[in-house]
C-alpha atoms as a PDB file:
ATOM      1  CA  MET A   1      -0.566 -10.573  -2.989  1.00  0.00           C
ATOM      2  CA  ASP A   2       1.679  -9.786  -5.924  1.00  0.00           C
ATOM      3  CA  ILE A   3       0.142  -8.103  -8.964  1.00  0.00           C
ATOM      4  CA  ARG A   4       2.076  -7.622 -12.188  1.00  0.00           C
ATOM      5  CA  LEU A   5       1.006  -5.499 -15.126  1.00  0.00           C
ATOM      6  CA  ILE A   6       2.686  -5.935 -18.479  1.00  0.00           C
ATOM      7  CA  SER A   7       1.930  -3.215 -20.999  1.00  0.00           C
ATOM      8  CA  THR A   8       3.183  -1.385 -24.060  1.00  0.00           C
ATOM      9  CA  LEU A   9       3.314   1.952 -22.251  1.00  0.00           C
ATOM     10  CA  THR A  10       6.281   4.246 -22.751  1.00  0.00           C
ATOM     11  CA  PRO A  11       8.459   4.877 -19.670  1.00  0.00           C
ATOM     12  CA  ASP A  12       6.922   8.344 -19.240  1.00  0.00           C
ATOM     13  CA  ASP A  13       3.411   6.934 -19.486  1.00  0.00           C
ATOM     14  CA  GLU A  14       4.315   4.144 -17.036  1.00  0.00           C
ATOM     15  CA  ALA A  15       5.397   6.732 -14.474  1.00  0.00           C
ATOM     16  CA  ARG A  16       2.126   8.645 -14.842  1.00  0.00           C
ATOM     17  CA  VAL A  17       0.033   5.472 -14.585  1.00  0.00           C
ATOM     18  CA  ALA A  18       2.027   4.189 -11.585  1.00  0.00           C
ATOM     19  CA  ALA A  19       1.554   7.478  -9.729  1.00  0.00           C
ATOM     20  CA  ALA A  20      -2.166   7.446 -10.521  1.00  0.00           C
ATOM     21  CA  ILE A  21      -2.571   3.843  -9.340  1.00  0.00           C
ATOM     22  CA  CYS A  22      -0.893   4.673  -6.020  1.00  0.00           C
ATOM     23  CA  ALA A  23      -3.050   7.781  -5.628  1.00  0.00           C
ATOM     24  CA  VAL A  24      -6.265   5.790  -6.181  1.00  0.00           C
ATOM     25  CA  VAL A  25      -5.501   2.529  -4.375  1.00  0.00           C
ATOM     26  CA  ALA A  26      -3.825   3.917  -1.221  1.00  0.00           C
ATOM     27  CA  PRO A  27      -6.878   5.789   0.112  1.00  0.00           C
ATOM     28  CA  LEU A  28      -9.046   2.720  -0.495  1.00  0.00           C
ATOM     29  CA  LEU A  29      -6.693   0.434   1.449  1.00  0.00           C
ATOM     30  CA  ASP A  30      -6.155   3.027   4.207  1.00  0.00           C
ATOM     31  CA  HIS A  31      -9.751   2.437   5.309  1.00  0.00           C
ATOM     32  CA  LEU A  32      -8.972  -1.200   6.095  1.00  0.00           C
ATOM     33  CA  THR A  33      -7.304  -2.310   9.311  1.00  0.00           C
ATOM     34  CA  ILE A  34      -4.522  -4.144   7.521  1.00  0.00           C
ATOM     35  CA  ALA A  35      -0.845  -3.446   7.132  1.00  0.00           C
ATOM     36  CA  TYR A  36       0.179  -3.184   3.492  1.00  0.00           C
ATOM     37  CA  THR A  37       2.716  -1.802   1.070  1.00  0.00           C
ATOM     38  CA  ILE A  38       1.994  -0.757  -2.481  1.00  0.00           C
ATOM     39  CA  ARG A  39       5.182  -0.805  -4.540  1.00  0.00           C
ATOM     40  CA  ILE A  40       5.218  -0.133  -8.255  1.00  0.00           C
ATOM     41  CA  GLU A  41       8.505  -0.294 -10.112  1.00  0.00           C
ATOM     42  CA  THR A  42       8.533   0.903 -13.707  1.00  0.00           C
ATOM     43  CA  THR A  43      10.719  -0.573 -16.438  1.00  0.00           C
ATOM     44  CA  ASP A  44      13.051   2.427 -16.217  1.00  0.00           C
ATOM     45  CA  GLY A  45      13.596   1.848 -12.481  1.00  0.00           C
ATOM     46  CA  GLN A  46      11.304   4.463 -10.948  1.00  0.00           C
ATOM     47  CA  VAL A  47       9.633   3.292  -7.742  1.00  0.00           C
ATOM     48  CA  PHE A  48       6.273   4.476  -6.468  1.00  0.00           C
ATOM     49  CA  GLU A  49       5.502   3.263  -2.967  1.00  0.00           C
ATOM     50  CA  HIS A  50       2.953   3.767  -0.217  1.00  0.00           C
ATOM     51  CA  HIS A  51       2.582   1.823   3.006  1.00  0.00           C
ATOM     52  CA  ASN A  52       0.350   1.797   6.027  1.00  0.00           C
ATOM     53  CA  ALA A  53       0.492  -0.097   9.307  1.00  0.00           C
ATOM     54  CA  PRO A  54      -2.529   0.931  11.365  1.00  0.00           C
ATOM     55  CA  VAL A  55      -2.272   0.966  15.128  1.00  0.00           C
ATOM     56  CA  VAL A  56      -4.647  -1.575  16.590  1.00  0.00           C
ATOM     57  CA  SER A  57      -5.589  -1.106  20.223  1.00  0.00           C
ATOM     58  CA  VAL A  58      -6.142  -4.186  22.323  1.00  0.00           C
ATOM     59  CA  ALA A  59      -8.642  -3.982  25.143  1.00  0.00           C
ATOM     60  CA  VAL A  60      -7.436  -5.454  28.402  1.00  0.00           C
ATOM     61  CA  PRO A  61     -10.213  -6.592  30.745  1.00  0.00           C
ATOM     62  CA  SER A  62     -10.333  -4.534  33.923  1.00  0.00           C
ATOM     63  CA  ASN A  63     -10.480  -7.712  36.021  1.00  0.00           C
ATOM     64  CA  ALA A  64      -7.201  -9.071  34.584  1.00  0.00           C
ATOM     65  CA  ALA A  65      -4.796 -10.096  37.312  1.00  0.00           C
ATOM     66  CA  ALA A  66      -1.613  -8.077  37.485  1.00  0.00           C
ATOM     67  CA  THR A  67       1.572 -10.110  37.448  1.00  0.00           C
END
C-alpha cells in the first residue's frame, strides 16, 4: 500500500505532522501480525520511519517424522 498526502503545510509543520502520524499509526499496526514499514518523507528531505516484522511461531506436530 502506498499512501501519498499532498498539502500546503510548511516544512516545519510537515515534520510535526509526519512525526505525529508515525506515533499514532505504528502502535495500531503493531497489534497486527503483519510485517510493515511506515516511511514518511517530507518535502525538505526529512524521513520518519517505523517498521515491524513480528516473529510468528509455527507449530510442528509431535508425530512428525524426523528426517
